[in-house]
Amino acid sequence: MKAAEERLRALGCPKINLQVRNSNKGVIAFYERIGFKVDDVISMGMRLWEHIREAQETV
């Protein structure tokens, strides 16, 4: 991770973002130990296959 952080800084990258499931406590703890913090944001997504199937059922 340190090498990746150094390369990103050298490229001018201001921030690294991760998406981790709330239930994955071990991974959350790992990233917190190396300096990551939980941001107060909402990650939104839409599973396309489920959305398409639901739309077809309403026709």
PDB file of N, CA and C in Angstrom:
ATOM      1  N   MET A   1       0.820  -1.194   0.000  1.00  0.00           N
ATOM      2  CA  MET A   1       0.000   0.000   0.000  1.00  0.00           C
ATOM      3  C   MET A   1       0.861   1.254   0.000  1.00  0.00           C
ATOM      4  N   LYS A   2       1.950   1.228   0.758  1.00  0.00           N
ATOM      5  CA  LYS A   2       2.795   2.430   0.810  1.00  0.00           C
ATOM      6  C   LYS A   2       3.312   2.815  -0.579  1.00  0.00           C
ATOM      7  N   ALA A   3       3.732   1.827  -1.351  1.00  0.00           N
ATOM      8  CA  ALA A   3       4.244   2.117  -2.695  1.00  0.00           C
ATOM      9  C   ALA A   3       3.142   2.718  -3.567  1.00  0.00           C
ATOM     10  N   ALA A   4       1.943   2.179  -3.466  1.00  0.00           N
ATOM     11  CA  ALA A   4       0.822   2.720  -4.241  1.00  0.00           C
ATOM     12  C   ALA A   4       0.516   4.151  -3.807  1.00  0.00           C
ATOM     13  N   GLU A   5       0.520   4.398  -2.495  1.00  0.00           N
ATOM     14  CA  GLU A   5       0.273   5.757  -1.987  1.00  0.00           C
ATOM     15  C   GLU A   5       1.325   6.728  -2.508  1.00  0.00           C
ATOM     16  N   GLU A   6       2.586   6.324  -2.475  1.00  0.00           N
ATOM     17  CA  GLU A   6       3.670   7.195  -2.939  1.00  0.00           C
ATOM     18  C   GLU A   6       3.524   7.515  -4.427  1.00  0.00           C
ATOM     19  N   ARG A   7       3.176   6.506  -5.221  1.00  0.00           N
ATOM     20  CA  ARG A   7       3.010   6.741  -6.664  1.00  0.00           C
ATOM     21  C   ARG A   7       1.838   7.670  -6.929  1.00  0.00           C
ATOM     22  N   LEU A   8       0.745   7.465  -6.214  1.00  0.00           N
ATOM     23  CA  LEU A   8      -0.422   8.327  -6.404  1.00  0.00           C
ATOM     24  C   LEU A   8      -0.125   9.766  -5.996  1.00  0.00           C
ATOM     25  N   ARG A   9       0.587   9.940  -4.885  1.00  0.00           N
ATOM     26  CA  ARG A   9       0.978  11.305  -4.473  1.00  0.00           C
ATOM     27  C   ARG A   9       1.836  11.961  -5.546  1.00  0.00           C
ATOM     28  N   ALA A  10       2.792  11.198  -6.084  1.00  0.00           N
ATOM     29  CA  ALA A  10       3.683  11.726  -7.118  1.00  0.00           C
ATOM     30  C   ALA A  10       2.910  12.146  -8.368  1.00  0.00           C
ATOM     31  N   LEU A  11       1.795  11.483  -8.614  1.00  0.00           N
ATOM     32  CA  LEU A  11       0.946  11.824  -9.770  1.00  0.00           C
ATOM     33  C   LEU A  11      -0.021  12.961  -9.473  1.00  0.00           C
ATOM     34  N   GLY A  12      -0.038  13.426  -8.214  1.00  0.00           N
ATOM     35  CA  GLY A  12      -0.913  14.528  -7.843  1.00  0.00           C
ATOM     36  C   GLY A  12      -2.295  14.100  -7.383  1.00  0.00           C
ATOM     37  N   CYS A  13      -2.463  12.823  -7.112  1.00  0.00           N
ATOM     38  CA  CYS A  13      -3.766  12.326  -6.656  1.00  0.00           C
ATOM     39  C   CYS A  13      -4.027  12.821  -5.234  1.00  0.00           C
ATOM     40  N   PRO A  14      -5.151  13.500  -4.982  1.00  0.00           N
ATOM     41  CA  PRO A  14      -5.402  14.076  -3.667  1.00  0.00           C
ATOM     42  C   PRO A  14      -6.034  13.106  -2.655  1.00  0.00           C
ATOM     43  N   LYS A  15      -6.605  11.983  -3.136  1.00  0.00           N
ATOM     44  CA  LYS A  15      -7.336  11.121  -2.212  1.00  0.00           C
ATOM     45  C   LYS A  15      -7.526   9.735  -2.808  1.00  0.00           C
ATOM     46  N   ILE A  16      -7.524   8.725  -1.931  1.00  0.00           N
ATOM     47  CA  ILE A  16      -7.851   7.352  -2.327  1.00  0.00           C
ATOM     48  C   ILE A  16      -9.210   7.028  -1.726  1.00  0.00           C
ATOM     49  N   ASN A  17     -10.104   6.483  -2.520  1.00  0.00           N
ATOM     50  CA  ASN A  17     -11.422   6.066  -2.035  1.00  0.00           C
ATOM     51  C   ASN A  17     -11.537   4.549  -2.127  1.00  0.00           C
ATOM     52  N   LEU A  18     -12.157   3.959  -1.120  1.00  0.00           N
ATOM     53  CA  LEU A  18     -12.411   2.514  -1.095  1.00  0.00           C
ATOM     54  C   LEU A  18     -13.895   2.276  -0.897  1.00  0.00           C
ATOM     55  N   GLN A  19     -14.357   1.152  -1.367  1.00  0.00           N
ATOM     56  CA  GLN A  19     -15.701   0.694  -1.027  1.00  0.00           C
ATOM     57  C   GLN A  19     -15.543  -0.657  -0.348  1.00  0.00           C
ATOM     58  N   VAL A  20     -16.040  -0.744   0.875  1.00  0.00           N
ATOM     59  CA  VAL A  20     -15.952  -1.958   1.682  1.00  0.00           C
ATOM     60  C   VAL A  20     -17.335  -2.214   2.266  1.00  0.00           C
ATOM     61  N   ARG A  21     -17.760  -3.446   2.249  1.00  0.00           N
ATOM     62  CA  ARG A  21     -19.059  -3.768   2.848  1.00  0.00           C
ATOM     63  C   ARG A  21     -19.008  -3.558   4.362  1.00  0.00           C
ATOM     64  N   ASN A  22     -20.108  -3.032   4.930  1.00  0.00           N
ATOM     65  CA  ASN A  22     -20.190  -2.812   6.378  1.00  0.00           C
ATOM     66  C   ASN A  22     -19.917  -4.077   7.164  1.00  0.00           C
ATOM     67  N   SER A  23     -20.293  -5.211   6.610  1.00  0.00           N
ATOM     68  CA  SER A  23     -20.130  -6.484   7.313  1.00  0.00           C
ATOM     69  C   SER A  23     -18.693  -6.996   7.319  1.00  0.00           C
ATOM     70  N   ASN A  24     -17.817  -6.398   6.527  1.00  0.00           N
ATOM     71  CA  ASN A  24     -16.434  -6.872   6.412  1.00  0.00           C
ATOM     72  C   ASN A  24     -15.542  -6.169   7.437  1.00  0.00           C
ATOM     73  N   LYS A  25     -15.767  -6.484   8.705  1.00  0.00           N
ATOM     74  CA  LYS A  25     -15.104  -5.790   9.814  1.00  0.00           C
ATOM     75  C   LYS A  25     -13.583  -5.930   9.782  1.00  0.00           C
ATOM     76  N   GLY A  26     -13.088  -7.088   9.379  1.00  0.00           N
ATOM     77  CA  GLY A  26     -11.641  -7.289   9.325  1.00  0.00           C
ATOM     78  C   GLY A  26     -10.961  -6.370   8.338  1.00  0.00           C
ATOM     79  N   VAL A  27     -11.570  -6.207   7.177  1.00  0.00           N
ATOM     80  CA  VAL A  27     -10.997  -5.325   6.154  1.00  0.00           C
ATOM     81  C   VAL A  27     -11.096  -3.874   6.604  1.00  0.00           C
ATOM     82  N   ILE A  28     -12.214  -3.504   7.219  1.00  0.00           N
ATOM     83  CA  ILE A  28     -12.365  -2.134   7.730  1.00  0.00           C
ATOM     84  C   ILE A  28     -11.277  -1.840   8.752  1.00  0.00           C
ATOM     85  N   ALA A  29     -11.053  -2.772   9.675  1.00  0.00           N
ATOM     86  CA  ALA A  29     -10.015  -2.597  10.703  1.00  0.00           C
ATOM     87  C   ALA A  29      -8.635  -2.473  10.065  1.00  0.00           C
ATOM     88  N   PHE A  30      -8.358  -3.280   9.051  1.00  0.00           N
ATOM     89  CA  PHE A  30      -7.070  -3.209   8.355  1.00  0.00           C
ATOM     90  C   PHE A  30      -6.838  -1.822   7.777  1.00  0.00           C
ATOM     91  N   TYR A  31      -7.809  -1.315   7.036  1.00  0.00           N
ATOM     92  CA  TYR A  31      -7.627  -0.005   6.409  1.00  0.00           C
ATOM     93  C   TYR A  31      -7.575   1.121   7.441  1.00  0.00           C
ATOM     94  N   GLU A  32      -8.303   1.004   8.524  1.00  0.00           N
ATOM     95  CA  GLU A  32      -8.208   2.012   9.588  1.00  0.00           C
ATOM     96  C   GLU A  32      -6.815   2.006  10.210  1.00  0.00           C
ATOM     97  N   ARG A  33      -6.218   0.824  10.372  1.00  0.00           N
ATOM     98  CA  ARG A  33      -4.866   0.741  10.945  1.00  0.00           C
ATOM     99  C   ARG A  33      -3.831   1.440  10.079  1.00  0.00           C
ATOM    100  N   ILE A  34      -4.045   1.456   8.770  1.00  0.00           N
ATOM    101  CA  ILE A  34      -3.052   2.091   7.898  1.00  0.00           C
ATOM    102  C   ILE A  34      -3.432   3.525   7.517  1.00  0.00           C
ATOM    103  N   GLY A  35      -4.435   4.077   8.225  1.00  0.00           N
ATOM    104  CA  GLY A  35      -4.693   5.508   8.081  1.00  0.00           C
ATOM    105  C   GLY A  35      -5.983   5.920   7.388  1.00  0.00           C
ATOM    106  N   PHE A  36      -6.739   4.975   6.874  1.00  0.00           N
ATOM    107  CA  PHE A  36      -8.009   5.329   6.237  1.00  0.00           C
ATOM    108  C   PHE A  36      -9.039   5.661   7.307  1.00  0.00           C
ATOM    109  N   LYS A  37      -9.971   6.528   6.966  1.00  0.00           N
ATOM    110  CA  LYS A  37     -11.058   6.915   7.868  1.00  0.00           C
ATOM    111  C   LYS A  37     -12.388   6.758   7.134  1.00  0.00           C
ATOM    112  N   VAL A  38     -13.437   6.489   7.889  1.00  0.00           N
ATOM    113  CA  VAL A  38     -14.766   6.371   7.308  1.00  0.00           C
ATOM    114  C   VAL A  38     -15.265   7.769   6.953  1.00  0.00           C
ATOM    115  N   ASP A  39     -15.682   7.962   5.701  1.00  0.00           N
ATOM    116  CA  ASP A  39     -16.268   9.232   5.262  1.00  0.00           C
ATOM    117  C   ASP A  39     -17.781   9.174   5.453  1.00  0.00           C
ATOM    118  N   ASP A  40     -18.365  10.321   5.715  1.00  0.00           N
ATOM    119  CA  ASP A  40     -19.809  10.411   5.885  1.00  0.00           C
ATOM    120  C   ASP A  40     -20.459  10.614   4.515  1.00  0.00           C
ATOM    121  N   VAL A  41     -20.489   9.530   3.738  1.00  0.00           N
ATOM    122  CA  VAL A  41     -21.076   9.570   2.402  1.00  0.00           C
ATOM    123  C   VAL A  41     -21.965   8.345   2.206  1.00  0.00           C
ATOM    124  N   ILE A  42     -22.758   8.380   1.171  1.00  0.00           N
ATOM    125  CA  ILE A  42     -23.590   7.241   0.807  1.00  0.00           C
ATOM    126  C   ILE A  42     -23.124   6.745  -0.558  1.00  0.00           C
ATOM    127  N   SER A  43     -22.890   5.461  -0.650  1.00  0.00           N
ATOM    128  CA  SER A  43     -22.557   4.849  -1.934  1.00  0.00           C
ATOM    129  C   SER A  43     -23.838   4.275  -2.512  1.00  0.00           C
ATOM    130  N   MET A  44     -24.163   4.673  -3.720  1.00  0.00           N
ATOM    131  CA  MET A  44     -25.404   4.208  -4.339  1.00  0.00           C
ATOM    132  C   MET A  44     -25.075   3.385  -5.579  1.00  0.00           C
ATOM    133  N   GLY A  45     -25.909   2.413  -5.837  1.00  0.00           N
ATOM    134  CA  GLY A  45     -25.722   1.575  -7.008  1.00  0.00           C
ATOM    135  C   GLY A  45     -27.046   1.004  -7.449  1.00  0.00           C
ATOM    136  N   MET A  46     -27.055   0.448  -8.642  1.00  0.00           N
ATOM    137  CA  MET A  46     -28.255  -0.206  -9.155  1.00  0.00           C
ATOM    138  C   MET A  46     -27.800  -1.434  -9.931  1.00  0.00           C
ATOM    139  N   ARG A  47     -28.261  -2.593  -9.514  1.00  0.00           N
ATOM    140  CA  ARG A  47     -27.932  -3.823 -10.226  1.00  0.00           C
ATOM    141  C   ARG A  47     -28.792  -3.876 -11.490  1.00  0.00           C
ATOM    142  N   LEU A  48     -28.146  -3.824 -12.635  1.00  0.00           N
ATOM    143  CA  LEU A  48     -28.852  -3.696 -13.897  1.00  0.00           C
ATOM    144  C   LEU A  48     -29.702  -4.913 -14.226  1.00  0.00           C
ATOM    145  N   TRP A  49     -29.222  -6.094 -13.978  1.00  0.00           N
ATOM    146  CA  TRP A  49     -30.005  -7.280 -14.332  1.00  0.00           C
ATOM    147  C   TRP A  49     -31.301  -7.336 -13.545  1.00  0.00           C
ATOM    148  N   GLU A  50     -31.260  -7.027 -12.256  1.00  0.00           N
ATOM    149  CA  GLU A  50     -32.472  -7.029 -11.449  1.00  0.00           C
ATOM    150  C   GLU A  50     -33.436  -5.938 -11.923  1.00  0.00           C
ATOM    151  N   HIS A  51     -32.905  -4.771 -12.255  1.00  0.00           N
ATOM    152  CA  HIS A  51     -33.725  -3.650 -12.712  1.00  0.00           C
ATOM    153  C   HIS A  51     -34.423  -4.002 -14.031  1.00  0.00           C
ATOM    154  N   ILE A  52     -33.702  -4.617 -14.932  1.00  0.00           N
ATOM    155  CA  ILE A  52     -34.274  -5.009 -16.221  1.00  0.00           C
ATOM    156  C   ILE A  52     -35.374  -6.047 -16.024  1.00  0.00           C
ATOM    157  N   ARG A  53     -35.121  -7.027 -15.166  1.00  0.00           N
ATOM    158  CA  ARG A  53     -36.099  -8.077 -14.919  1.00  0.00           C
ATOM    159  C   ARG A  53     -37.376  -7.490 -14.314  1.00  0.00           C
ATOM    160  N   GLU A  54     -37.229  -6.577 -13.355  1.00  0.00           N
ATOM    161  CA  GLU A  54     -38.396  -5.927 -12.736  1.00  0.00           C
ATOM    162  C   GLU A  54     -39.181  -5.125 -13.777  1.00  0.00           C
ATOM    163  N   ALA A  55     -38.503  -4.422 -14.666  1.00  0.00           N
ATOM    164  CA  ALA A  55     -39.165  -3.613 -15.677  1.00  0.00           C
ATOM    165  C   ALA A  55     -39.946  -4.508 -16.635  1.00  0.00           C
ATOM    166  N   GLN A  56     -39.395  -5.652 -16.975  1.00  0.00           N
ATOM    167  CA  GLN A  56     -40.065  -6.574 -17.893  1.00  0.00           C
ATOM    168  C   GLN A  56     -41.325  -7.151 -17.235  1.00  0.00           C
ATOM    169  N   GLU A  57     -41.291  -7.386 -15.945  1.00  0.00           N
ATOM    170  CA  GLU A  57     -42.435  -7.965 -15.238  1.00  0.00           C
ATOM    171  C   GLU A  57     -43.613  -6.994 -15.158  1.00  0.00           C
ATOM    172  N   THR A  58     -43.354  -5.689 -15.243  1.00  0.00           N
ATOM    173  CA  THR A  58     -44.432  -4.699 -15.144  1.00  0.00           C
ATOM    174  C   THR A  58     -45.080  -4.409 -16.494  1.00  0.00           C
ATOM    175  N   VAL A  59     -44.502  -4.932 -17.575  1.00  0.00           N
ATOM    176  CA  VAL A  59     -45.040  -4.675 -18.924  1.00  0.00           C
ATOM    177  C   VAL A  59     -46.171  -5.628 -19.232  1.00  0.00           C
TER     178      VAL A  59
END
